[in-house]
PDB file of N, CA and C in Angstrom:
ATOM      1  N   MET A   1       0.478  -1.133   0.238  1.00  0.00           N
ATOM      2  CA  MET A   1       0.330  -0.274   0.439  1.00  0.00           C
ATOM      3  C   MET A   1       1.005   1.492  -0.036  1.00  0.00           C
ATOM      4  N   GLN A   2       2.197   1.084   0.223  1.00  0.00           N
ATOM      5  CA  GLN A   2       2.575   2.661   0.581  1.00  0.00           C
ATOM      6  C   GLN A   2       3.418   2.480  -0.214  1.00  0.00           C
ATOM      7  N   ASN A   3       3.996   1.163  -1.289  1.00  0.00           N
ATOM      8  CA  ASN A   3       3.938   1.897  -2.209  1.00  0.00           C
ATOM      9  C   ASN A   3       3.165   2.393  -3.144  1.00  0.00           C
ATOM     10  N   SER A   4       1.997   1.911  -3.652  1.00  0.00           N
ATOM     11  CA  SER A   4       0.917   3.041  -4.379  1.00  0.00           C
ATOM     12  C   SER A   4       0.706   4.069  -4.429  1.00  0.00           C
ATOM     13  N   TYR A   5       0.555   4.873  -2.377  1.00  0.00           N
ATOM     14  CA  TYR A   5       1.034   6.311  -1.815  1.00  0.00           C
ATOM     15  C   TYR A   5       2.239   6.995  -2.897  1.00  0.00           C
ATOM     16  N   LYS A   6       2.746   6.082  -2.465  1.00  0.00           N
ATOM     17  CA  LYS A   6       4.518   6.392  -3.690  1.00  0.00           C
ATOM     18  C   LYS A   6       4.449   6.963  -4.661  1.00  0.00           C
ATOM     19  N   ILE A   7       3.692   5.638  -5.532  1.00  0.00           N
ATOM     20  CA  ILE A   7       3.708   5.960  -6.746  1.00  0.00           C
ATOM     21  C   ILE A   7       2.908   7.191  -7.177  1.00  0.00           C
ATOM     22  N   ILE A   8       1.561   7.541  -6.222  1.00  0.00           N
ATOM     23  CA  ILE A   8       0.313   8.840  -6.132  1.00  0.00           C
ATOM     24  C   ILE A   8       1.435  10.064  -5.594  1.00  0.00           C
ATOM     25  N   ILE A   9       1.917   9.966  -4.861  1.00  0.00           N
ATOM     26  CA  ILE A   9       2.626  10.972  -4.728  1.00  0.00           C
ATOM     27  C   ILE A   9       3.841  11.632  -5.614  1.00  0.00           C
ATOM     28  N   TYR A  10       4.426  10.347  -6.586  1.00  0.00           N
ATOM     29  CA  TYR A  10       4.989  11.136  -7.150  1.00  0.00           C
ATOM     30  C   TYR A  10       4.490  11.602  -8.105  1.00  0.00           C
ATOM     31  N   ILE A  11       3.090  10.948  -8.690  1.00  0.00           N
ATOM     32  CA  ILE A  11       2.273  11.566  -9.903  1.00  0.00           C
ATOM     33  C   ILE A  11       1.678  12.685  -9.757  1.00  0.00           C
ATOM     34  N   VAL A  12       1.011  13.189  -8.541  1.00  0.00           N
ATOM     35  CA  VAL A  12       1.155  13.854  -8.054  1.00  0.00           C
ATOM     36  C   VAL A  12       2.082  15.009  -8.523  1.00  0.00           C
ATOM     37  N   VAL A  13       2.795  14.967  -7.613  1.00  0.00           N
ATOM     38  CA  VAL A  13       3.866  16.125  -7.713  1.00  0.00           C
ATOM     39  C   VAL A  13       4.446  16.527  -9.037  1.00  0.00           C
ATOM     40  N   ALA A  14       4.529  15.234  -9.710  1.00  0.00           N
ATOM     41  CA  ALA A  14       4.910  15.588 -11.532  1.00  0.00           C
ATOM     42  C   ALA A  14       3.419  16.591 -12.092  1.00  0.00           C
ATOM     43  N   ILE A  15       2.601  15.759 -11.601  1.00  0.00           N
ATOM     44  CA  ILE A  15       1.267  17.126 -12.298  1.00  0.00           C
ATOM     45  C   ILE A  15       1.638  17.919 -11.724  1.00  0.00           C
ATOM     46  N   VAL A  16       2.400  18.338 -10.386  1.00  0.00           N
ATOM     47  CA  VAL A  16       2.243  19.846  -9.997  1.00  0.00           C
ATOM     48  C   VAL A  16       3.480  20.366 -10.773  1.00  0.00           C
ATOM     49  N   PHE A  17       4.814  19.618 -10.878  1.00  0.00           N
ATOM     50  CA  PHE A  17       6.070  20.654 -12.071  1.00  0.00           C
ATOM     51  C   PHE A  17       5.580  20.230 -12.737  1.00  0.00           C
ATOM     52  N   VAL A  18       4.302  19.777 -13.727  1.00  0.00           N
ATOM     53  CA  VAL A  18       4.013  20.056 -15.214  1.00  0.00           C
ATOM     54  C   VAL A  18       3.244  21.073 -15.167  1.00  0.00           C
ATOM     55  N   ASN A  19       2.427  20.976 -14.464  1.00  0.00           N
ATOM     56  CA  ASN A  19       1.305  22.214 -14.012  1.00  0.00           C
ATOM     57  C   ASN A  19       2.198  23.884 -14.127  1.00  0.00           C
ATOM     58  N   PHE A  20       3.380  23.684 -13.180  1.00  0.00           N
ATOM     59  CA  PHE A  20       4.150  24.951 -12.612  1.00  0.00           C
ATOM     60  C   PHE A  20       5.267  25.391 -14.210  1.00  0.00           C
ATOM     61  N   PHE A  21       5.729  24.357 -14.118  1.00  0.00           N
ATOM     62  CA  PHE A  21       6.334  24.470 -15.487  1.00  0.00           C
ATOM     63  C   PHE A  21       5.383  25.226 -17.125  1.00  0.00           C
ATOM     64  N   LEU A  22       4.477  24.549 -17.057  1.00  0.00           N
ATOM     65  CA  LEU A  22       3.453  24.800 -18.000  1.00  0.00           C
ATOM     66  C   LEU A  22       2.992  26.489 -17.362  1.00  0.00           C
ATOM     67  N   THR A  23       2.823  26.819 -16.437  1.00  0.00           N
ATOM     68  CA  THR A  23       2.528  27.918 -16.439  1.00  0.00           C
ATOM     69  C   THR A  23       3.053  28.691 -16.435  1.00  0.00           C
ATOM     70  N   PHE A  24       3.827  28.758 -15.524  1.00  0.00           N
ATOM     71  CA  PHE A  24       5.550  29.712 -16.934  1.00  0.00           C
ATOM     72  C   PHE A  24       5.998  29.946 -17.379  1.00  0.00           C
ATOM     73  N   PHE A  25       6.205  29.140 -18.732  1.00  0.00           N
ATOM     74  CA  PHE A  25       5.931  29.314 -19.999  1.00  0.00           C
ATOM     75  C   PHE A  25       5.088  29.460 -20.615  1.00  0.00           C
ATOM     76  N   SER A  26       3.398  29.377 -20.138  1.00  0.00           N
ATOM     77  CA  SER A  26       2.292  29.704 -20.613  1.00  0.00           C
ATOM     78  C   SER A  26       1.707  31.182 -20.149  1.00  0.00           C
ATOM     79  N   ASN A  27       2.223  31.953 -19.555  1.00  0.00           N
ATOM     80  CA  ASN A  27       1.798  33.114 -19.130  1.00  0.00           C
ATOM     81  C   ASN A  27       3.520  33.750 -19.508  1.00  0.00           C
ATOM     82  N   SER A  28       4.582  33.465 -20.005  1.00  0.00           N
ATOM     83  CA  SER A  28       5.535  34.198 -21.116  1.00  0.00           C
ATOM     84  C   SER A  28       5.151  34.088 -22.462  1.00  0.00           C
ATOM     85  N   ASN A  29       4.130  33.121 -22.695  1.00  0.00           N
ATOM     86  CA  ASN A  29       3.309  33.492 -23.846  1.00  0.00           C
ATOM     87  C   ASN A  29       2.589  33.832 -23.918  1.00  0.00           C
ATOM     88  N   ILE A  30       1.493  34.065 -23.219  1.00  0.00           N
ATOM     89  CA  ILE A  30       0.610  34.582 -22.824  1.00  0.00           C
ATOM     90  C   ILE A  30       0.852  36.346 -23.009  1.00  0.00           C
ATOM     91  N   ARG A  31       1.858  36.959 -22.455  1.00  0.00           N
ATOM     92  CA  ARG A  31       2.313  38.015 -22.066  1.00  0.00           C
ATOM     93  C   ARG A  31       3.176  38.238 -23.797  1.00  0.00           C
ATOM     94  N   GLY A  32       3.399  37.549 -24.003  1.00  0.00           N
ATOM     95  CA  GLY A  32       4.296  37.393 -25.319  1.00  0.00           C
ATOM     96  C   GLY A  32       2.521  38.136 -26.804  1.00  0.00           C
ATOM     97  N   ILE A  33       1.570  37.575 -26.298  1.00  0.00           N
ATOM     98  CA  ILE A  33       0.713  37.399 -27.203  1.00  0.00           C
ATOM     99  C   ILE A  33      -0.268  38.956 -26.783  1.00  0.00           C
ATOM    100  N   ARG A  34      -0.008  39.377 -25.225  1.00  0.00           N
ATOM    101  CA  ARG A  34      -0.625  40.439 -25.308  1.00  0.00           C
ATOM    102  C   ARG A  34       0.152  41.155 -25.947  1.00  0.00           C
ATOM    103  N   ASP A  35       1.697  41.429 -25.899  1.00  0.00           N
ATOM    104  CA  ASP A  35       2.738  42.064 -26.032  1.00  0.00           C
ATOM    105  C   ASP A  35       2.216  42.853 -27.856  1.00  0.00           C
ATOM    106  N   ASP A  36       2.117  41.352 -28.022  1.00  0.00           N
ATOM    107  CA  ASP A  36       1.971  41.472 -30.060  1.00  0.00           C
ATOM    108  C   ASP A  36       0.800  42.694 -30.174  1.00  0.00           C
ATOM    109  N   LEU A  37      -0.376  42.025 -29.568  1.00  0.00           N
ATOM    110  CA  LEU A  37      -1.860  42.175 -29.374  1.00  0.00           C
ATOM    111  C   LEU A  37      -2.189  44.274 -29.476  1.00  0.00           C
ATOM    112  N   GLN A  38      -1.365  44.362 -28.248  1.00  0.00           N
ATOM    113  CA  GLN A  38      -1.262  46.194 -28.102  1.00  0.00           C
ATOM    114  C   GLN A  38      -0.447  46.709 -29.373  1.00  0.00           C
ATOM    115  N   GLU A  39       0.622  46.112 -30.077  1.00  0.00           N
ATOM    116  CA  GLU A  39       1.093  47.004 -30.939  1.00  0.00           C
ATOM    117  C   GLU A  39       0.188  46.915 -32.637  1.00  0.00           C
ATOM    118  N   ALA A  40      -0.233  45.824 -32.337  1.00  0.00           N
ATOM    119  CA  ALA A  40      -1.260  45.574 -32.999  1.00  0.00           C
ATOM    120  C   ALA A  40      -2.425  46.928 -33.107  1.00  0.00           C
ATOM    121  N   LYS A  41      -2.292  47.034 -31.845  1.00  0.00           N
ATOM    122  CA  LYS A  41      -3.948  47.992 -32.006  1.00  0.00           C
ATOM    123  C   LYS A  41      -3.218  49.181 -31.854  1.00  0.00           C
ATOM    124  N   ARG A  42      -1.762  49.215 -31.885  1.00  0.00           N
ATOM    125  CA  ARG A  42      -1.161  50.645 -31.456  1.00  0.00           C
ATOM    126  C   ARG A  42      -1.447  50.904 -33.665  1.00  0.00           C
ATOM    127  N   SER A  43      -0.858  49.908 -33.906  1.00  0.00           N
ATOM    128  CA  SER A  43      -0.797  50.024 -35.730  1.00  0.00           C
ATOM    129  C   SER A  43      -1.734  51.052 -36.063  1.00  0.00           C
ATOM    130  N   THR A  44      -3.119  49.953 -35.826  1.00  0.00           N
ATOM    131  CA  THR A  44      -4.497  50.054 -36.363  1.00  0.00           C
ATOM    132  C   THR A  44      -5.081  50.954 -36.047  1.00  0.00           C
ATOM    133  N   ASP A  45      -4.487  51.503 -34.390  1.00  0.00           N
ATOM    134  CA  ASP A  45      -4.942  53.251 -34.664  1.00  0.00           C
ATOM    135  C   ASP A  45      -3.910  54.042 -35.129  1.00  0.00           C
ATOM    136  N   SER A  46      -3.420  54.102 -35.069  1.00  0.00           N
ATOM    137  CA  SER A  46      -2.375  54.906 -36.247  1.00  0.00           C
ATOM    138  C   SER A  46      -2.648  54.728 -37.615  1.00  0.00           C
ATOM    139  N   ALA A  47      -3.323  54.125 -38.056  1.00  0.00           N
ATOM    140  CA  ALA A  47      -4.138  53.941 -39.324  1.00  0.00           C
ATOM    141  C   ALA A  47      -4.752  54.365 -39.028  1.00  0.00           C
ATOM    142  N   LEU A  48      -5.721  54.106 -38.094  1.00  0.00           N
ATOM    143  CA  LEU A  48      -7.933  54.539 -38.552  1.00  0.00           C
ATOM    144  C   LEU A  48      -6.133  56.721 -39.103  1.00  0.00           C
ATOM    145  N   GLN A  49      -5.649  57.079 -38.053  1.00  0.00           N
ATOM    146  CA  GLN A  49      -5.687  58.498 -37.856  1.00  0.00           C
ATOM    147  C   GLN A  49      -5.212  58.397 -39.348  1.00  0.00           C
ATOM    148  N   GLU A  50      -4.199  57.971 -39.447  1.00  0.00           N
ATOM    149  CA  GLU A  50      -4.131  58.492 -41.496  1.00  0.00           C
ATOM    150  C   GLU A  50      -5.052  58.436 -42.591  1.00  0.00           C
ATOM    151  N   VAL A  51      -6.558  57.163 -42.565  1.00  0.00           N
ATOM    152  CA  VAL A  51      -7.482  57.026 -43.036  1.00  0.00           C
ATOM    153  C   VAL A  51      -8.107  58.801 -42.578  1.00  0.00           C
ATOM    154  N   LYS A  52      -8.112  58.860 -41.337  1.00  0.00           N
ATOM    155  CA  LYS A  52      -9.135  60.192 -41.208  1.00  0.00           C
ATOM    156  C   LYS A  52      -8.586  61.240 -41.681  1.00  0.00           C
ATOM    157  N   HIS A  53      -6.850  61.835 -41.123  1.00  0.00           N
ATOM    158  CA  HIS A  53      -6.527  62.617 -41.977  1.00  0.00           C
ATOM    159  C   HIS A  53      -6.417  62.855 -43.811  1.00  0.00           C
ATOM    160  N   SER A  54      -6.659  61.555 -44.230  1.00  0.00           N
ATOM    161  CA  SER A  54      -6.787  61.362 -45.649  1.00  0.00           C
ATOM    162  C   SER A  54      -8.319  61.950 -45.859  1.00  0.00           C
ATOM    163  N   GLN A  55      -8.948  61.537 -45.557  1.00  0.00           N
ATOM    164  CA  GLN A  55     -10.490  62.199 -45.255  1.00  0.00           C
ATOM    165  C   GLN A  55     -10.601  63.468 -45.464  1.00  0.00           C
ATOM    166  N   ASP A  56      -9.871  63.714 -44.656  1.00  0.00           N
ATOM    167  CA  ASP A  56     -10.144  65.293 -44.564  1.00  0.00           C
ATOM    168  C   ASP A  56      -9.962  66.028 -45.100  1.00  0.00           C
ATOM    169  N   LYS A  57      -8.545  65.156 -46.576  1.00  0.00           N
ATOM    170  CA  LYS A  57      -8.130  65.747 -47.023  1.00  0.00           C
ATOM    171  C   LYS A  57      -8.367  65.826 -48.093  1.00  0.00           C
ATOM    172  N   LEU A  58      -9.756  64.406 -48.280  1.00  0.00           N
ATOM    173  CA  LEU A  58     -10.595  64.231 -49.716  1.00  0.00           C
ATOM    174  C   LEU A  58     -11.827  65.518 -49.154  1.00  0.00           C
ATOM    175  N   ASP A  59     -12.654  65.433 -48.837  1.00  0.00           N
ATOM    176  CA  ASP A  59     -13.672  66.480 -48.482  1.00  0.00           C
ATOM    177  C   ASP A  59     -13.235  68.145 -48.822  1.00  0.00           C
ATOM    178  N   SER A  60     -11.777  68.081 -48.115  1.00  0.00           N
ATOM    179  CA  SER A  60     -11.325  69.719 -49.082  1.00  0.00           C
ATOM    180  C   SER A  60     -10.794  69.725 -50.306  1.00  0.00           C
ATOM    181  N   ILE A  61     -10.762  68.433 -51.061  1.00  0.00           N
ATOM    182  CA  ILE A  61     -10.273  68.835 -52.421  1.00  0.00           C
ATOM    183  C   ILE A  61     -12.563  68.382 -52.418  1.00  0.00           C
ATOM    184  N   MET A  62     -12.913  67.710 -52.409  1.00  0.00           N
ATOM    185  CA  MET A  62     -13.990  67.812 -53.036  1.00  0.00           C
ATOM    186  C   MET A  62     -14.515  68.957 -52.702  1.00  0.00           C
ATOM    187  N   ASN A  63     -14.621  69.998 -52.124  1.00  0.00           N
ATOM    188  CA  ASN A  63     -15.330  71.551 -51.413  1.00  0.00           C
ATOM    189  C   ASN A  63     -15.034  72.326 -52.194  1.00  0.00           C
ATOM    190  N   ASP A  64     -13.229  72.323 -52.827  1.00  0.00           N
ATOM    191  CA  ASP A  64     -12.580  72.899 -53.767  1.00  0.00           C
ATOM    192  C   ASP A  64     -13.017  72.924 -54.989  1.00  0.00           C
ATOM    193  N   VAL A  65     -13.532  71.587 -55.385  1.00  0.00           N
ATOM    194  CA  VAL A  65     -14.052  71.113 -56.809  1.00  0.00           C
ATOM    195  C   VAL A  65     -15.081  72.088 -56.666  1.00  0.00           C
ATOM    196  N   VAL A  66     -16.259  71.929 -56.144  1.00  0.00           N
ATOM    197  CA  VAL A  66     -17.803  71.966 -56.254  1.00  0.00           C
ATOM    198  C   VAL A  66     -17.206  73.799 -56.134  1.00  0.00           C
ATOM    199  N   VAL A  67     -16.443  74.199 -55.800  1.00  0.00           N
ATOM    200  CA  VAL A  67     -16.113  75.899 -55.994  1.00  0.00           C
ATOM    201  C   VAL A  67     -15.566  76.235 -57.044  1.00  0.00           C
ATOM    202  N   PHE A  68     -14.850  75.355 -57.354  1.00  0.00           N
ATOM    203  CA  PHE A  68     -14.120  74.931 -58.685  1.00  0.00           C
ATOM    204  C   PHE A  68     -15.791  75.561 -60.045  1.00  0.00           C
ATOM    205  N   LYS A  69     -16.333  74.283 -60.109  1.00  0.00           N
ATOM    206  CA  LYS A  69     -17.486  73.567 -60.949  1.00  0.00           C
ATOM    207  C   LYS A  69     -18.170  74.933 -60.955  1.00  0.00           C
ATOM    208  N   ALA A  70     -18.395  75.605 -59.140  1.00  0.00           N
ATOM    209  CA  ALA A  70     -19.542  76.926 -59.867  1.00  0.00           C
ATOM    210  C   ALA A  70     -18.715  77.683 -60.174  1.00  0.00           C
ATOM    211  N   TYR A  71     -17.267  78.774 -59.975  1.00  0.00           N
ATOM    212  CA  TYR A  71     -16.687  79.286 -60.856  1.00  0.00           C
ATOM    213  C   TYR A  71     -16.079  78.737 -62.130  1.00  0.00           C
ATOM    214  N   ILE A  72     -16.617  77.810 -62.694  1.00  0.00           N
ATOM    215  CA  ILE A  72     -16.489  77.674 -64.327  1.00  0.00           C
ATOM    216  C   ILE A  72     -17.921  77.966 -65.057  1.00  0.00           C
ATOM    217  N   ASN A  73     -19.060  77.199 -64.238  1.00  0.00           N
ATOM    218  CA  ASN A  73     -20.063  77.443 -64.981  1.00  0.00           C
ATOM    219  C   ASN A  73     -20.711  78.957 -64.645  1.00  0.00           C
ATOM    220  N   ASN A  74     -20.210  79.513 -64.072  1.00  0.00           N
ATOM    221  CA  ASN A  74     -20.358  81.718 -63.897  1.00  0.00           C
ATOM    222  C   ASN A  74     -19.291  82.078 -65.298  1.00  0.00           C
ATOM    223  N   VAL A  75     -18.259  81.402 -65.176  1.00  0.00           N
ATOM    224  CA  VAL A  75     -17.907  81.637 -66.599  1.00  0.00           C
ATOM    225  C   VAL A  75     -18.724  81.231 -67.558  1.00  0.00           C
ATOM    226  N   GLN A  76     -18.409  80.204 -67.836  1.00  0.00           N
ATOM    227  CA  GLN A  76     -19.598  80.087 -69.178  1.00  0.00           C
ATOM    228  C   GLN A  76     -20.896  80.478 -69.872  1.00  0.00           C
ATOM    229  N   LYS A  77     -21.247  80.972 -68.270  1.00  0.00           N
ATOM    230  CA  LYS A  77     -22.751  82.125 -68.487  1.00  0.00           C
ATOM    231  C   LYS A  77     -22.530  83.391 -68.702  1.00  0.00           C
ATOM    232  N   ARG A  78     -21.706  83.514 -68.144  1.00  0.00           N
ATOM    233  CA  ARG A  78     -21.036  85.227 -69.226  1.00  0.00           C
ATOM    234  C   ARG A  78     -20.335  84.999 -70.926  1.00  0.00           C
ATOM    235  N   VAL A  79     -19.742  84.253 -70.659  1.00  0.00           N
ATOM    236  CA  VAL A  79     -19.575  83.692 -72.176  1.00  0.00           C
ATOM    237  C   VAL A  79     -20.593  83.602 -73.257  1.00  0.00           C
ATOM    238  N   GLN A  80     -21.626  82.956 -72.794  1.00  0.00           N
ATOM    239  CA  GLN A  80     -22.649  83.019 -73.717  1.00  0.00           C
ATOM    240  C   GLN A  80     -23.335  84.489 -73.577  1.00  0.00           C
ATOM    241  N   LEU A  81     -23.419  84.840 -71.893  1.00  0.00           N
ATOM    242  CA  LEU A  81     -24.129  86.383 -72.522  1.00  0.00           C
ATOM    243  C   LEU A  81     -23.267  87.332 -73.506  1.00  0.00           C
ATOM    244  N   ALA A  82     -21.842  87.324 -73.505  1.00  0.00           N
ATOM    245  CA  ALA A  82     -21.101  88.319 -74.595  1.00  0.00           C
ATOM    246  C   ALA A  82     -21.251  87.324 -75.784  1.00  0.00           C
ATOM    247  N   ASP A  83     -21.683  86.383 -75.406  1.00  0.00           N
ATOM    248  CA  ASP A  83     -21.331  86.102 -77.593  1.00  0.00           C
ATOM    249  C   ASP A  83     -22.930  86.330 -78.095  1.00  0.00           C
ATOM    250  N   VAL A  84     -24.049  86.650 -76.559  1.00  0.00           N
ATOM    251  CA  VAL A  84     -25.157  87.115 -77.435  1.00  0.00           C
ATOM    252  C   VAL A  84     -25.316  88.400 -77.702  1.00  0.00           C
ATOM    253  N   GLN A  85     -24.575  88.657 -77.093  1.00  0.00           N
ATOM    254  CA  GLN A  85     -24.459  90.573 -76.838  1.00  0.00           C
ATOM    255  C   GLN A  85     -24.218  90.658 -78.260  1.00  0.00           C
ATOM    256  N   LYS A  86     -23.104  90.307 -78.273  1.00  0.00           N
ATOM    257  CA  LYS A  86     -22.180  90.493 -79.993  1.00  0.00           C
ATOM    258  C   LYS A  86     -22.906  90.180 -80.891  1.00  0.00           C
ATOM    259  N   THR A  87     -23.721  88.997 -80.560  1.00  0.00           N
ATOM    260  CA  THR A  87     -24.871  89.141 -82.344  1.00  0.00           C
ATOM    261  C   THR A  87     -25.684  89.893 -81.991  1.00  0.00           C
ATOM    262  N   LEU A  88     -26.178  90.026 -81.135  1.00  0.00           N
ATOM    263  CA  LEU A  88     -27.207  91.376 -81.318  1.00  0.00           C
ATOM    264  C   LEU A  88     -26.226  93.059 -82.132  1.00  0.00           C
ATOM    265  N   GLU A  89     -24.884  93.084 -80.762  1.00  0.00           N
ATOM    266  CA  GLU A  89     -24.891  93.736 -82.143  1.00  0.00           C
ATOM    267  C   GLU A  89     -23.931  93.947 -83.865  1.00  0.00           C
ATOM    268  N   ASP A  90     -23.965  93.097 -83.628  1.00  0.00           N
ATOM    269  CA  ASP A  90     -23.370  92.622 -85.371  1.00  0.00           C
ATOM    270  C   ASP A  90     -25.365  92.372 -86.031  1.00  0.00           C
ATOM    271  N   GLU A  91     -25.749  92.439 -85.672  1.00  0.00           N
ATOM    272  CA  GLU A  91     -27.442  92.439 -86.177  1.00  0.00           C
ATOM    273  C   GLU A  91     -27.578  94.034 -86.284  1.00  0.00           C
ATOM    274  N   LYS A  92     -27.200  94.917 -85.059  1.00  0.00           N
ATOM    275  CA  LYS A  92     -27.566  96.421 -85.051  1.00  0.00           C
ATOM    276  C   LYS A  92     -26.561  96.320 -86.703  1.00  0.00           C
ATOM    277  N   ASN A  93     -25.608  96.107 -86.367  1.00  0.00           N
ATOM    278  CA  ASN A  93     -24.457  97.037 -87.091  1.00  0.00           C
ATOM    279  C   ASN A  93     -24.675  96.801 -88.491  1.00  0.00           C
ATOM    280  N   GLY A  94     -25.303  95.555 -88.430  1.00  0.00           N
ATOM    281  CA  GLY A  94     -24.933  95.166 -90.530  1.00  0.00           C
ATOM    282  C   GLY A  94     -26.717  95.971 -91.116  1.00  0.00           C
ATOM    283  N   THR A  95     -27.509  95.832 -89.683  1.00  0.00           N
ATOM    284  CA  THR A  95     -28.831  96.575 -90.248  1.00  0.00           C
ATOM    285  C   THR A  95     -28.342  98.176 -90.777  1.00  0.00           C
ATOM    286  N   LYS A  96     -27.022  98.528 -89.683  1.00  0.00           N
ATOM    287  CA  LYS A  96     -27.092 100.119 -89.646  1.00  0.00           C
ATOM    288  C   LYS A  96     -25.999  99.859 -91.110  1.00  0.00           C
ATOM    289  N   VAL A  97     -24.795  99.162 -91.379  1.00  0.00           N
ATOM    290  CA  VAL A  97     -24.396  99.162 -92.731  1.00  0.00           C
ATOM    291  C   VAL A  97     -24.979  99.712 -93.940  1.00  0.00           C
ATOM    292  N   LYS A  98     -26.264  98.582 -94.129  1.00  0.00           N
ATOM    293  CA  LYS A  98     -27.270  98.251 -95.007  1.00  0.00           C
ATOM    294  C   LYS A  98     -27.893  99.844 -94.760  1.00  0.00           C
ATOM    295  N   LEU A  99     -28.469 100.561 -93.933  1.00  0.00           N
ATOM    296  CA  LEU A  99     -28.452 101.739 -94.470  1.00  0.00           C
ATOM    297  C   LEU A  99     -28.277 103.433 -94.284  1.00  0.00           C
ATOM    298  N   LEU A 100     -26.662 102.523 -94.639  1.00  0.00           N
ATOM    299  CA  LEU A 100     -25.307 103.854 -95.125  1.00  0.00           C
ATOM    300  C   LEU A 100     -25.211 103.155 -96.485  1.00  0.00           C
ATOM    301  N   LYS A 101     -25.771 102.103 -96.954  1.00  0.00           N
ATOM    302  CA  LYS A 101     -25.549 101.396 -97.943  1.00  0.00           C
ATOM    303  C   LYS A 101     -26.385 102.252 -98.950  1.00  0.00           C
ATOM    304  N   ASP A 102     -27.709 102.309 -98.793  1.00  0.00           N
ATOM    305  CA  ASP A 102     -28.380 102.662 -99.233  1.00  0.00           C
ATOM    306  C   ASP A 102     -28.900 104.036 -98.945  1.00  0.00           C
ATOM    307  N   SER A 103     -28.181 104.468 -98.132  1.00  0.00           N
ATOM    308  CA  SER A 103     -27.698 106.429 -98.266  1.00  0.00           C
ATOM    309  C   SER A 103     -27.548 106.401 -98.639  1.00  0.00           C
ATOM    310  N   ILE A 104     -26.026 106.033 -99.060  1.00  0.00           N
ATOM    311  CA  ILE A 104     -24.314 106.501-100.017  1.00  0.00           C
ATOM    312  C   ILE A 104     -25.776 106.424-101.503  1.00  0.00           C
ATOM    313  N   SER A 105     -26.078 105.215-101.449  1.00  0.00           N
ATOM    314  CA  SER A 105     -26.376 104.931-103.183  1.00  0.00           C
ATOM    315  C   SER A 105     -28.127 106.436-103.691  1.00  0.00           C
ATOM    316  N   ALA A 106     -28.332 106.379-102.549  1.00  0.00           N
ATOM    317  CA  ALA A 106     -29.392 107.469-102.667  1.00  0.00           C
ATOM    318  C   ALA A 106     -28.674 109.187-103.377  1.00  0.00           C
ATOM    319  N   LEU A 107     -27.500 109.358-102.145  1.00  0.00           N
ATOM    320  CA  LEU A 107     -26.322 110.391-102.299  1.00  0.00           C
ATOM    321  C   LEU A 107     -25.860 109.828-103.500  1.00  0.00           C
ATOM    322  N   LYS A 108     -25.016 108.572-104.222  1.00  0.00           N
ATOM    323  CA  LYS A 108     -24.669 109.375-105.123  1.00  0.00           C
ATOM    324  C   LYS A 108     -25.506 109.110-106.874  1.00  0.00           C
ATOM    325  N   GLU A 109     -26.928 108.733-106.809  1.00  0.00           N
ATOM    326  CA  GLU A 109     -27.508 109.264-108.070  1.00  0.00           C
ATOM    327  C   GLU A 109     -27.313 110.230-107.888  1.00  0.00           C
ATOM    328  N   SER A 110     -28.558 111.068-106.770  1.00  0.00           N
ATOM    329  CA  SER A 110     -28.483 112.213-106.992  1.00  0.00           C
ATOM    330  C   SER A 110     -27.713 113.491-106.990  1.00  0.00           C
ATOM    331  N   ILE A 111     -26.123 112.718-107.085  1.00  0.00           N
ATOM    332  CA  ILE A 111     -25.205 113.657-106.771  1.00  0.00           C
ATOM    333  C   ILE A 111     -24.731 113.697-108.156  1.00  0.00           C
ATOM    334  N   GLN A 112     -25.016 112.734-108.934  1.00  0.00           N
ATOM    335  CA  GLN A 112     -25.063 111.731-111.325  1.00  0.00           C
ATOM    336  C   GLN A 112     -25.266 113.244-111.635  1.00  0.00           C
ATOM    337  N   SER A 113     -26.612 113.728-111.104  1.00  0.00           N
ATOM    338  CA  SER A 113     -27.038 114.629-112.010  1.00  0.00           C
ATOM    339  C   SER A 113     -25.820 115.858-112.053  1.00  0.00           C
ATOM    340  N   ASP A 114     -25.233 116.421-110.194  1.00  0.00           N
ATOM    341  CA  ASP A 114     -25.059 117.493-110.717  1.00  0.00           C
ATOM    342  C   ASP A 114     -23.810 117.407-111.920  1.00  0.00           C
ATOM    343  N   SER A 115     -22.613 118.107-111.602  1.00  0.00           N
ATOM    344  CA  SER A 115     -21.296 117.880-111.831  1.00  0.00           C
ATOM    345  C   SER A 115     -19.836 117.728-111.465  1.00  0.00           C
ATOM    346  N   LEU A 116     -20.674 116.693-110.155  1.00  0.00           N
ATOM    347  CA  LEU A 116     -19.536 116.670-108.668  1.00  0.00           C
ATOM    348  C   LEU A 116     -19.032 114.989-109.227  1.00  0.00           C
ATOM    349  N   PRO A 117     -17.170 115.411-109.375  1.00  0.00           N
ATOM    350  CA  PRO A 117     -16.870 113.685-109.919  1.00  0.00           C
ATOM    351  C   PRO A 117     -17.754 112.456-109.107  1.00  0.00           C
ATOM    352  N   PRO A 118     -17.095 111.528-109.775  1.00  0.00           N
ATOM    353  CA  PRO A 118     -17.563 109.903-108.868  1.00  0.00           C
ATOM    354  C   PRO A 118     -16.808 109.705-107.596  1.00  0.00           C
ATOM    355  N   ILE A 119     -17.713 109.136-106.656  1.00  0.00           N
ATOM    356  CA  ILE A 119     -17.303 109.055-105.978  1.00  0.00           C
ATOM    357  C   ILE A 119     -17.721 107.286-104.822  1.00  0.00           C
ATOM    358  N   ASP A 120     -16.095 106.841-104.908  1.00  0.00           N
ATOM    359  CA  ASP A 120     -15.884 105.305-104.945  1.00  0.00           C
ATOM    360  C   ASP A 120     -16.341 104.682-103.317  1.00  0.00           C
ATOM    361  N   VAL A 121     -17.450 103.900-103.619  1.00  0.00           N
ATOM    362  CA  VAL A 121     -17.621 102.880-102.087  1.00  0.00           C
ATOM    363  C   VAL A 121     -17.480 101.778-101.942  1.00  0.00           C
ATOM    364  N   LYS A 122     -16.789 101.203-100.800  1.00  0.00           N
ATOM    365  CA  LYS A 122     -15.788 100.662-100.541  1.00  0.00           C
ATOM    366  C   LYS A 122     -16.697  99.559 -99.761  1.00  0.00           C
TER     367      LYS A 122
END
């Protein structure tokens, strides 16, 4: 019976020793895993800050694009307005040129009956 107690005691001591050994080395591994997780968290936080900074820059660029688009639309409207005004002025000037040519023709006919020299019309 004493022999079986010795075996049981040796088994218990071996289990305690193995448990102590595993606990010591597994804590070391757990500590390493925890350190790795903390480093990963720091890296993730840093990446998140970079993403937020990039998003802020992108929002600023988008706002600038909206302002530039409004500026371009304003320039296009001004160009269209200037084009319409030029077309109207050209039509008015064309009408005036026609009236002046008609007046010159009428005056030329009345002058031909007089003794004045001929007038060249360009």
